[in-house]
Amino acid sequence: MLTFRRRSWVVITGAAISLLVAGCGESKVSQCNRLAEVVNKAQGFMPGFESDIQTFSTNAAQVKSLEDIKAAADQYVTAVDNVVGSLGELATELEDVQLSDEELATYRDNYIEMVAGFSSALTQASDAMSIVQDVEAEADLPAKIEESQQQTVQAVQLIQDLSVQESSIISEVNAYCGATQEEGASEEPASEEPAAEEPASEGE
């Protein structure tokens, strides 16, 4: 049994969906499973990313100086840049999945496009935090943090929209492959993780 899993992207956490393909033809089964194996590889790097973002949020809430703020920003940018690299590798692997089933190939292509969208949005969030990362004087912090927050809001909104799109693609693939919810399992409600919370400047 393989599973298609929804990932956590800064603000959204979804539950796993079981993929049971017993009712499909042999060729379709193997292709569904090949696609699922690659899609689910994100589970290898997403937990580390989520942990890094949680650590960033904790550190950002405790900053006491400009150096602390910049250190927290450095941590966020590094975490996001790393996961963007992993997403690029995932997209490349998806492109290499051989699918003769035209419907599955369409789902794969849509998923690749969605992954590219996540990469773009996360890069935008990283660039926004770089504004704080490059601040040289505390007097410049308020204006730079406001500028960064404006860009971050745009990125988070795009990530939320893409999360809905990802959920739809996974549901459609599961339906096409004959997926059913694993007996006795229930889908957990989505929960929110701390988004790209900007470090507060000293005195706020």
N, C-alpha and C. Protein backbone atom coordinates (compact mmCIF):
# COMPACT_ATOMS: atom_id res chain seq x y z
N MET A 1 0.84 -1.19 0.00
CA MET A 1 0.00 0.00 0.00
C MET A 1 0.88 1.24 0.00
N LEU A 2 0.59 2.17 -0.87
CA LEU A 2 1.29 3.44 -0.91
C LEU A 2 0.35 4.55 -0.51
N THR A 3 0.91 5.66 -0.13
CA THR A 3 0.07 6.80 0.26
C THR A 3 0.50 8.05 -0.47
N PHE A 4 -0.48 8.82 -0.91
CA PHE A 4 -0.22 10.18 -1.36
C PHE A 4 -0.41 11.06 -0.14
N ARG A 5 0.55 11.87 0.17
CA ARG A 5 0.47 12.71 1.36
C ARG A 5 0.48 14.18 0.97
N ARG A 6 -0.36 14.94 1.66
CA ARG A 6 -0.27 16.39 1.53
C ARG A 6 0.85 16.87 2.44
N ARG A 7 1.58 17.87 1.98
CA ARG A 7 2.69 18.39 2.75
C ARG A 7 2.32 19.63 3.55
N SER A 8 3.24 20.06 4.41
CA SER A 8 3.07 21.29 5.18
C SER A 8 3.92 22.36 4.52
N TRP A 9 3.32 23.47 4.18
CA TRP A 9 4.05 24.55 3.53
C TRP A 9 3.92 25.81 4.36
N VAL A 10 4.67 25.95 5.41
CA VAL A 10 4.74 27.12 6.26
C VAL A 10 3.46 27.34 7.05
N VAL A 11 2.29 27.29 6.39
CA VAL A 11 1.06 27.64 7.10
C VAL A 11 0.03 26.52 7.10
N ILE A 12 0.18 25.51 6.25
CA ILE A 12 -0.85 24.49 6.11
C ILE A 12 -0.28 23.12 6.42
N THR A 13 -0.99 22.33 7.20
CA THR A 13 -0.63 20.93 7.45
C THR A 13 -1.82 20.07 7.10
N GLY A 14 -1.64 19.07 6.25
CA GLY A 14 -2.74 18.19 5.87
C GLY A 14 -2.48 16.78 6.36
N ALA A 15 -3.51 15.95 6.32
CA ALA A 15 -3.39 14.56 6.76
C ALA A 15 -3.05 13.67 5.58
N ALA A 16 -2.52 12.48 5.88
CA ALA A 16 -2.19 11.53 4.83
C ALA A 16 -3.45 10.88 4.28
N ILE A 17 -3.39 10.50 3.02
CA ILE A 17 -4.51 9.80 2.39
C ILE A 17 -3.99 8.45 1.92
N SER A 18 -4.68 7.39 2.24
CA SER A 18 -4.24 6.06 1.85
C SER A 18 -4.60 5.79 0.41
N LEU A 19 -3.67 5.18 -0.31
CA LEU A 19 -3.91 4.82 -1.70
C LEU A 19 -4.05 3.31 -1.80
N LEU A 20 -5.26 2.87 -2.05
CA LEU A 20 -5.54 1.45 -2.24
C LEU A 20 -5.98 1.26 -3.69
N VAL A 21 -5.20 0.50 -4.46
CA VAL A 21 -5.44 0.43 -5.89
C VAL A 21 -5.89 -0.96 -6.34
N ALA A 22 -6.51 -1.69 -5.46
CA ALA A 22 -6.87 -3.07 -5.76
C ALA A 22 -7.83 -3.18 -6.93
N GLY A 23 -8.65 -2.17 -7.17
CA GLY A 23 -9.65 -2.27 -8.21
C GLY A 23 -9.16 -1.87 -9.58
N CYS A 24 -7.90 -1.51 -9.74
CA CYS A 24 -7.41 -1.02 -11.01
C CYS A 24 -6.76 -2.13 -11.82
N GLY A 25 -6.58 -1.86 -13.11
CA GLY A 25 -5.86 -2.79 -13.96
C GLY A 25 -4.38 -2.77 -13.60
N GLU A 26 -3.66 -3.82 -14.00
CA GLU A 26 -2.26 -3.98 -13.58
C GLU A 26 -1.39 -2.82 -14.02
N SER A 27 -1.51 -2.40 -15.28
CA SER A 27 -0.69 -1.31 -15.77
C SER A 27 -0.97 -0.02 -15.02
N LYS A 28 -2.23 0.22 -14.76
CA LYS A 28 -2.61 1.44 -14.05
C LYS A 28 -2.10 1.40 -12.61
N VAL A 29 -2.15 0.23 -11.98
CA VAL A 29 -1.64 0.07 -10.62
C VAL A 29 -0.17 0.45 -10.55
N SER A 30 0.63 -0.09 -11.45
CA SER A 30 2.07 0.16 -11.40
C SER A 30 2.38 1.63 -11.65
N GLN A 31 1.64 2.26 -12.55
CA GLN A 31 1.88 3.67 -12.83
C GLN A 31 1.44 4.56 -11.66
N CYS A 32 0.31 4.23 -11.06
CA CYS A 32 -0.14 4.97 -9.87
C CYS A 32 0.90 4.87 -8.76
N ASN A 33 1.42 3.67 -8.57
CA ASN A 33 2.40 3.46 -7.51
C ASN A 33 3.72 4.18 -7.79
N ARG A 34 4.14 4.20 -9.06
CA ARG A 34 5.37 4.91 -9.40
C ARG A 34 5.23 6.40 -9.11
N LEU A 35 4.08 6.95 -9.47
CA LEU A 35 3.85 8.37 -9.22
C LEU A 35 3.80 8.65 -7.71
N ALA A 36 3.12 7.77 -6.97
CA ALA A 36 3.00 7.96 -5.52
C ALA A 36 4.36 7.90 -4.84
N GLU A 37 5.22 7.00 -5.29
CA GLU A 37 6.54 6.86 -4.67
C GLU A 37 7.34 8.15 -4.76
N VAL A 38 7.25 8.82 -5.90
CA VAL A 38 8.01 10.06 -6.08
C VAL A 38 7.36 11.21 -5.31
N VAL A 39 6.04 11.34 -5.43
CA VAL A 39 5.34 12.43 -4.73
C VAL A 39 5.62 12.37 -3.24
N ASN A 40 5.62 11.17 -2.69
CA ASN A 40 5.78 11.02 -1.24
C ASN A 40 7.22 11.22 -0.75
N LYS A 41 8.16 11.40 -1.68
CA LYS A 41 9.54 11.64 -1.26
C LYS A 41 9.69 12.95 -0.50
N ALA A 42 8.74 13.84 -0.69
CA ALA A 42 8.79 15.10 0.06
C ALA A 42 8.72 14.87 1.56
N GLN A 43 8.16 13.72 1.97
CA GLN A 43 8.10 13.42 3.39
C GLN A 43 9.50 13.25 3.99
N GLY A 44 10.50 13.06 3.13
CA GLY A 44 11.86 12.92 3.63
C GLY A 44 12.48 14.24 4.04
N PHE A 45 12.07 15.35 3.39
CA PHE A 45 12.70 16.63 3.73
C PHE A 45 11.76 17.62 4.41
N MET A 46 10.45 17.42 4.31
CA MET A 46 9.53 18.38 4.91
C MET A 46 9.59 18.43 6.44
N PRO A 47 9.72 17.29 7.15
CA PRO A 47 9.79 17.37 8.62
C PRO A 47 10.94 18.26 9.11
N GLY A 48 12.10 18.16 8.46
CA GLY A 48 13.23 19.00 8.85
C GLY A 48 12.95 20.47 8.61
N PHE A 49 12.28 20.76 7.50
CA PHE A 49 11.92 22.15 7.20
C PHE A 49 10.95 22.70 8.23
N GLU A 50 9.94 21.90 8.56
CA GLU A 50 8.95 22.32 9.55
C GLU A 50 9.63 22.58 10.90
N SER A 51 10.58 21.73 11.27
CA SER A 51 11.30 21.89 12.53
C SER A 51 12.13 23.18 12.52
N ASP A 52 12.77 23.46 11.38
CA ASP A 52 13.57 24.68 11.26
C ASP A 52 12.71 25.92 11.40
N ILE A 53 11.52 25.90 10.77
CA ILE A 53 10.62 27.05 10.84
C ILE A 53 10.10 27.24 12.26
N GLN A 54 9.82 26.14 12.95
CA GLN A 54 9.37 26.24 14.34
C GLN A 54 10.47 26.83 15.22
N THR A 55 11.70 26.41 14.99
CA THR A 55 12.83 26.95 15.75
C THR A 55 13.00 28.43 15.46
N PHE A 56 12.86 28.80 14.19
CA PHE A 56 12.93 30.22 13.83
C PHE A 56 11.88 31.03 14.56
N SER A 57 10.64 30.53 14.58
CA SER A 57 9.55 31.25 15.24
C SER A 57 9.84 31.45 16.73
N THR A 58 10.39 30.41 17.36
CA THR A 58 10.75 30.50 18.78
C THR A 58 11.84 31.55 19.00
N ASN A 59 12.87 31.50 18.15
CA ASN A 59 13.97 32.45 18.29
C ASN A 59 13.52 33.88 17.98
N ALA A 60 12.64 34.02 16.99
CA ALA A 60 12.18 35.35 16.59
C ALA A 60 11.39 36.03 17.70
N ALA A 61 10.74 35.22 18.52
CA ALA A 61 9.94 35.77 19.62
C ALA A 61 10.81 36.20 20.80
N GLN A 62 12.10 35.85 20.76
CA GLN A 62 12.98 36.13 21.90
C GLN A 62 14.12 37.08 21.55
N VAL A 63 14.05 37.72 20.39
CA VAL A 63 15.16 38.59 19.99
C VAL A 63 15.27 39.81 20.91
N LYS A 64 16.51 40.22 21.15
CA LYS A 64 16.76 41.37 22.04
C LYS A 64 17.67 42.42 21.40
N SER A 65 18.21 42.10 20.24
CA SER A 65 19.14 43.04 19.61
C SER A 65 19.07 42.89 18.10
N LEU A 66 19.69 43.81 17.40
CA LEU A 66 19.76 43.74 15.94
C LEU A 66 20.46 42.46 15.51
N GLU A 67 21.50 42.09 16.24
CA GLU A 67 22.22 40.86 15.90
C GLU A 67 21.32 39.64 16.03
N ASP A 68 20.48 39.61 17.06
CA ASP A 68 19.53 38.51 17.24
C ASP A 68 18.54 38.45 16.08
N ILE A 69 18.06 39.61 15.69
CA ILE A 69 17.09 39.68 14.60
C ILE A 69 17.70 39.17 13.30
N LYS A 70 18.91 39.61 13.02
CA LYS A 70 19.57 39.18 11.79
C LYS A 70 19.91 37.69 11.82
N ALA A 71 20.26 37.18 13.01
CA ALA A 71 20.55 35.75 13.14
C ALA A 71 19.30 34.92 12.87
N ALA A 72 18.15 35.37 13.39
CA ALA A 72 16.90 34.67 13.13
C ALA A 72 16.54 34.73 11.65
N ALA A 73 16.76 35.88 11.03
CA ALA A 73 16.49 36.01 9.60
C ALA A 73 17.39 35.09 8.79
N ASP A 74 18.66 34.99 9.19
CA ASP A 74 19.59 34.07 8.52
C ASP A 74 19.08 32.64 8.58
N GLN A 75 18.58 32.26 9.75
CA GLN A 75 18.08 30.89 9.93
C GLN A 75 16.89 30.62 9.01
N TYR A 76 15.98 31.59 8.92
CA TYR A 76 14.80 31.42 8.08
C TYR A 76 15.20 31.30 6.61
N VAL A 77 16.06 32.20 6.15
CA VAL A 77 16.47 32.20 4.75
C VAL A 77 17.15 30.88 4.39
N THR A 78 18.02 30.39 5.27
CA THR A 78 18.71 29.12 5.02
C THR A 78 17.72 27.97 4.93
N ALA A 79 16.77 27.91 5.85
CA ALA A 79 15.78 26.83 5.85
C ALA A 79 14.94 26.85 4.57
N VAL A 80 14.49 28.03 4.18
CA VAL A 80 13.66 28.13 2.98
C VAL A 80 14.46 27.81 1.73
N ASP A 81 15.67 28.33 1.63
CA ASP A 81 16.49 28.06 0.46
C ASP A 81 16.78 26.56 0.33
N ASN A 82 16.99 25.89 1.45
CA ASN A 82 17.25 24.44 1.41
C ASN A 82 16.04 23.68 0.88
N VAL A 83 14.84 24.03 1.36
CA VAL A 83 13.66 23.30 0.92
C VAL A 83 13.33 23.62 -0.53
N VAL A 84 13.63 24.84 -0.98
CA VAL A 84 13.43 25.17 -2.39
C VAL A 84 14.31 24.29 -3.27
N GLY A 85 15.55 24.05 -2.82
CA GLY A 85 16.42 23.15 -3.56
C GLY A 85 15.87 21.74 -3.61
N SER A 86 15.32 21.27 -2.50
CA SER A 86 14.73 19.93 -2.46
C SER A 86 13.51 19.84 -3.36
N LEU A 87 12.72 20.91 -3.42
CA LEU A 87 11.56 20.92 -4.30
C LEU A 87 11.98 20.87 -5.76
N GLY A 88 13.08 21.52 -6.08
CA GLY A 88 13.59 21.45 -7.45
C GLY A 88 13.97 20.03 -7.83
N GLU A 89 14.60 19.32 -6.89
CA GLU A 89 14.96 17.93 -7.14
C GLU A 89 13.72 17.06 -7.29
N LEU A 90 12.69 17.34 -6.48
CA LEU A 90 11.44 16.59 -6.58
C LEU A 90 10.80 16.79 -7.94
N ALA A 91 10.79 18.04 -8.42
CA ALA A 91 10.20 18.33 -9.73
C ALA A 91 10.94 17.58 -10.83
N THR A 92 12.26 17.52 -10.73
CA THR A 92 13.05 16.80 -11.73
C THR A 92 12.71 15.32 -11.72
N GLU A 93 12.58 14.74 -10.53
CA GLU A 93 12.23 13.32 -10.44
C GLU A 93 10.84 13.05 -11.01
N LEU A 94 9.91 13.97 -10.76
CA LEU A 94 8.56 13.81 -11.30
C LEU A 94 8.58 13.85 -12.82
N GLU A 95 9.40 14.72 -13.38
CA GLU A 95 9.50 14.80 -14.84
C GLU A 95 10.02 13.50 -15.43
N ASP A 96 10.82 12.78 -14.66
CA ASP A 96 11.42 11.53 -15.14
C ASP A 96 10.50 10.32 -14.98
N VAL A 97 9.37 10.48 -14.29
CA VAL A 97 8.44 9.36 -14.11
C VAL A 97 7.77 9.05 -15.45
N GLN A 98 7.95 7.84 -15.92
CA GLN A 98 7.38 7.43 -17.20
C GLN A 98 5.94 6.96 -17.01
N LEU A 99 5.01 7.64 -17.66
CA LEU A 99 3.59 7.32 -17.54
C LEU A 99 2.96 7.27 -18.93
N SER A 100 2.49 6.10 -19.32
CA SER A 100 1.80 5.98 -20.60
C SER A 100 0.33 6.36 -20.47
N ASP A 101 -0.20 6.29 -19.26
CA ASP A 101 -1.59 6.68 -19.00
C ASP A 101 -1.69 8.21 -19.11
N GLU A 102 -2.47 8.67 -20.08
CA GLU A 102 -2.54 10.11 -20.35
C GLU A 102 -3.12 10.89 -19.17
N GLU A 103 -4.10 10.31 -18.49
CA GLU A 103 -4.72 10.99 -17.36
C GLU A 103 -3.72 11.18 -16.23
N LEU A 104 -2.98 10.12 -15.92
CA LEU A 104 -1.95 10.22 -14.88
C LEU A 104 -0.85 11.20 -15.28
N ALA A 105 -0.49 11.19 -16.56
CA ALA A 105 0.54 12.12 -17.03
C ALA A 105 0.10 13.57 -16.84
N THR A 106 -1.20 13.82 -17.05
CA THR A 106 -1.73 15.16 -16.84
C THR A 106 -1.66 15.54 -15.37
N TYR A 107 -2.03 14.61 -14.49
CA TYR A 107 -1.94 14.87 -13.05
C TYR A 107 -0.50 15.16 -12.65
N ARG A 108 0.44 14.37 -13.20
CA ARG A 108 1.86 14.58 -12.89
C ARG A 108 2.30 15.98 -13.32
N ASP A 109 1.93 16.37 -14.53
CA ASP A 109 2.33 17.68 -15.05
C ASP A 109 1.72 18.80 -14.21
N ASN A 110 0.47 18.62 -13.79
CA ASN A 110 -0.17 19.63 -12.93
C ASN A 110 0.54 19.72 -11.59
N TYR A 111 0.99 18.56 -11.09
CA TYR A 111 1.68 18.55 -9.80
C TYR A 111 3.04 19.23 -9.92
N ILE A 112 3.73 18.99 -11.03
CA ILE A 112 5.01 19.65 -11.25
C ILE A 112 4.83 21.16 -11.28
N GLU A 113 3.78 21.61 -11.95
CA GLU A 113 3.49 23.05 -12.01
C GLU A 113 3.21 23.61 -10.62
N MET A 114 2.48 22.83 -9.82
CA MET A 114 2.18 23.25 -8.46
C MET A 114 3.45 23.33 -7.61
N VAL A 115 4.34 22.35 -7.75
CA VAL A 115 5.61 22.37 -7.02
C VAL A 115 6.43 23.59 -7.41
N ALA A 116 6.43 23.92 -8.70
CA ALA A 116 7.14 25.11 -9.16
C ALA A 116 6.55 26.37 -8.53
N GLY A 117 5.23 26.38 -8.37
CA GLY A 117 4.58 27.51 -7.72
C GLY A 117 4.99 27.64 -6.27
N PHE A 118 5.06 26.52 -5.56
CA PHE A 118 5.53 26.54 -4.17
C PHE A 118 6.96 27.07 -4.10
N SER A 119 7.81 26.61 -5.01
CA SER A 119 9.21 27.06 -5.01
C SER A 119 9.29 28.57 -5.20
N SER A 120 8.48 29.07 -6.13
CA SER A 120 8.47 30.51 -6.41
C SER A 120 7.99 31.31 -5.20
N ALA A 121 6.92 30.83 -4.56
CA ALA A 121 6.37 31.54 -3.40
C ALA A 121 7.34 31.51 -2.22
N LEU A 122 7.97 30.37 -2.01
CA LEU A 122 8.94 30.28 -0.91
C LEU A 122 10.17 31.14 -1.17
N THR A 123 10.57 31.21 -2.44
CA THR A 123 11.68 32.09 -2.79
C THR A 123 11.32 33.54 -2.52
N GLN A 124 10.07 33.89 -2.82
CA GLN A 124 9.59 35.25 -2.52
C GLN A 124 9.64 35.52 -1.02
N ALA A 125 9.25 34.53 -0.22
CA ALA A 125 9.30 34.68 1.24
C ALA A 125 10.75 34.83 1.72
N SER A 126 11.65 34.06 1.12
CA SER A 126 13.06 34.15 1.48
C SER A 126 13.62 35.53 1.13
N ASP A 127 13.26 36.02 -0.06
CA ASP A 127 13.72 37.34 -0.48
C ASP A 127 13.19 38.43 0.47
N ALA A 128 11.95 38.23 0.93
CA ALA A 128 11.37 39.21 1.85
C ALA A 128 12.15 39.24 3.17
N MET A 129 12.52 38.06 3.66
CA MET A 129 13.28 38.01 4.91
C MET A 129 14.70 38.55 4.72
N SER A 130 15.20 38.46 3.49
CA SER A 130 16.54 38.99 3.22
C SER A 130 16.60 40.50 3.44
N ILE A 131 15.45 41.16 3.30
CA ILE A 131 15.39 42.60 3.57
C ILE A 131 15.80 42.87 5.02
N VAL A 132 15.28 42.04 5.94
CA VAL A 132 15.65 42.17 7.35
C VAL A 132 17.09 41.71 7.57
N GLN A 133 17.46 40.68 6.87
CA GLN A 133 18.80 40.11 7.00
C GLN A 133 19.89 41.14 6.69
N ASP A 134 19.59 42.07 5.79
CA ASP A 134 20.59 43.02 5.33
C ASP A 134 20.57 44.36 6.06
N VAL A 135 19.71 44.50 7.07
CA VAL A 135 19.63 45.76 7.81
C VAL A 135 20.96 46.03 8.53
N GLU A 136 21.43 47.27 8.45
CA GLU A 136 22.71 47.62 9.06
C GLU A 136 22.56 48.37 10.38
N ALA A 137 21.43 49.05 10.57
CA ALA A 137 21.26 49.86 11.79
C ALA A 137 19.86 49.68 12.35
N GLU A 138 19.75 49.70 13.67
CA GLU A 138 18.44 49.52 14.30
C GLU A 138 17.45 50.59 13.88
N ALA A 139 17.93 51.78 13.58
CA ALA A 139 17.03 52.85 13.16
C ALA A 139 16.30 52.51 11.86
N ASP A 140 16.89 51.63 11.06
CA ASP A 140 16.28 51.25 9.78
C ASP A 140 15.29 50.10 9.92
N LEU A 141 15.27 49.46 11.10
CA LEU A 141 14.46 48.25 11.27
C LEU A 141 12.96 48.44 11.01
N PRO A 142 12.30 49.43 11.61
CA PRO A 142 10.85 49.53 11.42
C PRO A 142 10.41 49.56 9.96
N ALA A 143 11.08 50.39 9.16
CA ALA A 143 10.71 50.50 7.75
C ALA A 143 11.02 49.21 7.00
N LYS A 144 12.16 48.59 7.30
CA LYS A 144 12.54 47.36 6.61
C LYS A 144 11.64 46.19 6.99
N ILE A 145 11.27 46.11 8.27
CA ILE A 145 10.37 45.05 8.70
C ILE A 145 9.00 45.20 8.04
N GLU A 146 8.52 46.43 7.93
CA GLU A 146 7.23 46.65 7.26
C GLU A 146 7.30 46.25 5.80
N GLU A 147 8.38 46.60 5.13
CA GLU A 147 8.56 46.21 3.72
C GLU A 147 8.61 44.69 3.58
N SER A 148 9.34 44.05 4.48
CA SER A 148 9.44 42.59 4.46
C SER A 148 8.09 41.93 4.69
N GLN A 149 7.33 42.46 5.64
CA GLN A 149 6.03 41.88 5.96
C GLN A 149 5.07 41.97 4.78
N GLN A 150 5.11 43.07 4.05
CA GLN A 150 4.23 43.24 2.90
C GLN A 150 4.51 42.17 1.85
N GLN A 151 5.78 41.90 1.60
CA GLN A 151 6.14 40.86 0.64
C GLN A 151 5.80 39.47 1.16
N THR A 152 5.99 39.26 2.47
CA THR A 152 5.70 37.96 3.05
C THR A 152 4.22 37.62 2.98
N VAL A 153 3.36 38.61 3.21
CA VAL A 153 1.91 38.39 3.13
C VAL A 153 1.52 37.88 1.75
N GLN A 154 2.10 38.46 0.71
CA GLN A 154 1.81 38.02 -0.65
C GLN A 154 2.24 36.57 -0.86
N ALA A 155 3.42 36.23 -0.36
CA ALA A 155 3.93 34.87 -0.52
C ALA A 155 3.06 33.87 0.23
N VAL A 156 2.66 34.21 1.45
CA VAL A 156 1.84 33.30 2.26
C VAL A 156 0.49 33.07 1.59
N GLN A 157 -0.10 34.12 1.02
CA GLN A 157 -1.38 33.96 0.34
C GLN A 157 -1.25 33.00 -0.84
N LEU A 158 -0.17 33.14 -1.59
CA LEU A 158 0.06 32.25 -2.72
C LEU A 158 0.25 30.81 -2.25
N ILE A 159 0.98 30.64 -1.15
CA ILE A 159 1.20 29.30 -0.59
C ILE A 159 -0.12 28.68 -0.17
N GLN A 160 -0.99 29.46 0.45
CA GLN A 160 -2.30 28.95 0.86
C GLN A 160 -3.11 28.52 -0.36
N ASP A 161 -3.10 29.33 -1.41
CA ASP A 161 -3.84 28.99 -2.63
C ASP A 161 -3.29 27.71 -3.26
N LEU A 162 -1.97 27.58 -3.28
CA LEU A 162 -1.35 26.39 -3.86
C LEU A 162 -1.63 25.15 -3.01
N SER A 163 -1.76 25.32 -1.71
CA SER A 163 -2.09 24.19 -0.83
C SER A 163 -3.46 23.63 -1.17
N VAL A 164 -4.41 24.51 -1.48
CA VAL A 164 -5.74 24.07 -1.90
C VAL A 164 -5.63 23.33 -3.22
N GLN A 165 -4.83 23.86 -4.14
CA GLN A 165 -4.64 23.21 -5.43
C GLN A 165 -4.01 21.83 -5.27
N GLU A 166 -3.01 21.72 -4.38
CA GLU A 166 -2.37 20.43 -4.14
C GLU A 166 -3.36 19.41 -3.61
N SER A 167 -4.19 19.84 -2.66
CA SER A 167 -5.19 18.95 -2.08
C SER A 167 -6.14 18.44 -3.15
N SER A 168 -6.52 19.32 -4.07
CA SER A 168 -7.43 18.94 -5.15
C SER A 168 -6.78 17.92 -6.08
N ILE A 169 -5.51 18.16 -6.44
CA ILE A 169 -4.81 17.23 -7.33
C ILE A 169 -4.69 15.86 -6.68
N ILE A 170 -4.31 15.82 -5.41
CA ILE A 170 -4.16 14.54 -4.71
C ILE A 170 -5.49 13.80 -4.64
N SER A 171 -6.56 14.52 -4.35
CA SER A 171 -7.88 13.88 -4.28
C SER A 171 -8.27 13.30 -5.63
N GLU A 172 -7.99 14.03 -6.70
CA GLU A 172 -8.34 13.57 -8.04
C GLU A 172 -7.51 12.34 -8.43
N VAL A 173 -6.22 12.36 -8.09
CA VAL A 173 -5.37 11.21 -8.40
C VAL A 173 -5.83 9.98 -7.61
N ASN A 174 -6.13 10.17 -6.34
CA ASN A 174 -6.59 9.06 -5.52
C ASN A 174 -7.89 8.48 -6.07
N ALA A 175 -8.80 9.35 -6.50
CA ALA A 175 -10.06 8.88 -7.07
C ALA A 175 -9.80 8.11 -8.36
N TYR A 176 -8.92 8.64 -9.20
CA TYR A 176 -8.63 8.00 -10.48
C TYR A 176 -7.95 6.65 -10.29
N CYS A 177 -7.09 6.57 -9.28
CA CYS A 177 -6.36 5.33 -9.03
C CYS A 177 -7.17 4.33 -8.20
N GLY A 178 -8.38 4.71 -7.81
CA GLY A 178 -9.21 3.81 -7.02
C GLY A 178 -8.85 3.84 -5.57
N ALA A 179 -8.34 4.98 -5.08
CA ALA A 179 -7.93 5.09 -3.68
C ALA A 179 -9.14 5.15 -2.78
N THR A 180 -8.99 4.59 -1.58
CA THR A 180 -10.01 4.69 -0.54
C THR A 180 -9.31 5.00 0.76
N GLN A 181 -10.01 5.62 1.69
CA GLN A 181 -9.42 5.88 3.01
C GLN A 181 -9.16 4.56 3.70
N GLU A 182 -7.98 4.42 4.26
CA GLU A 182 -7.60 3.19 4.96
C GLU A 182 -8.61 2.88 6.05
N GLU A 183 -9.03 1.63 6.10
CA GLU A 183 -10.05 1.23 7.07
C GLU A 183 -9.60 1.56 8.48
N GLY A 184 -10.49 2.25 9.22
CA GLY A 184 -10.19 2.60 10.60
C GLY A 184 -9.44 3.89 10.75
N ALA A 185 -9.01 4.48 9.61
CA ALA A 185 -8.26 5.73 9.69
C ALA A 185 -9.18 6.89 9.39
N SER A 186 -8.92 7.99 10.01
CA SER A 186 -9.70 9.19 9.75
C SER A 186 -8.76 10.32 9.42
N GLU A 187 -9.21 11.21 8.54
CA GLU A 187 -8.36 12.31 8.15
C GLU A 187 -8.38 13.38 9.22
N GLU A 188 -7.21 13.80 9.67
CA GLU A 188 -7.14 14.81 10.71
C GLU A 188 -7.40 16.17 10.10
N PRO A 189 -8.03 17.07 10.86
CA PRO A 189 -8.26 18.41 10.33
C PRO A 189 -6.95 19.14 10.15
N ALA A 190 -6.93 20.02 9.14
CA ALA A 190 -5.72 20.78 8.89
C ALA A 190 -5.43 21.70 10.05
N SER A 191 -4.17 21.86 10.37
CA SER A 191 -3.77 22.77 11.44
C SER A 191 -2.81 23.78 10.88
N GLU A 192 -2.71 24.90 11.53
CA GLU A 192 -1.84 25.96 11.04
C GLU A 192 -0.53 25.97 11.81
N GLU A 193 0.57 26.13 11.07
CA GLU A 193 1.87 26.30 11.68
C GLU A 193 2.20 27.78 11.68
N PRO A 194 3.12 28.22 12.52
CA PRO A 194 3.52 29.62 12.48
C PRO A 194 4.05 29.97 11.11
N ALA A 195 3.55 31.03 10.51
CA ALA A 195 4.03 31.47 9.21
C ALA A 195 5.36 32.18 9.39
N ALA A 196 5.78 32.86 8.34
CA ALA A 196 7.07 33.54 8.38
C ALA A 196 6.95 34.76 9.27
N GLU A 197 6.88 34.52 10.58
CA GLU A 197 6.73 35.59 11.55
C GLU A 197 7.98 36.44 11.57
N GLU A 198 7.78 37.75 11.40
CA GLU A 198 8.93 38.65 11.36
C GLU A 198 9.48 38.86 12.77
N PRO A 199 10.81 38.85 12.93
CA PRO A 199 11.39 39.14 14.24
C PRO A 199 11.01 40.54 14.68
N ALA A 200 10.60 40.69 15.92
CA ALA A 200 10.23 42.01 16.42
C ALA A 200 11.49 42.78 16.79
N SER A 201 11.48 44.08 16.50
CA SER A 201 12.64 44.89 16.86
C SER A 201 12.61 45.19 18.35
N GLU A 202 13.76 45.49 18.91
CA GLU A 202 13.88 45.73 20.35
C GLU A 202 13.01 46.91 20.74
N GLY A 203 12.28 46.75 21.83
CA GLY A 203 11.45 47.83 22.32
C GLY A 203 10.02 47.72 21.88
N GLU A 204 9.70 46.78 20.95
CA GLU A 204 8.31 46.60 20.51
C GLU A 204 7.57 45.74 21.49
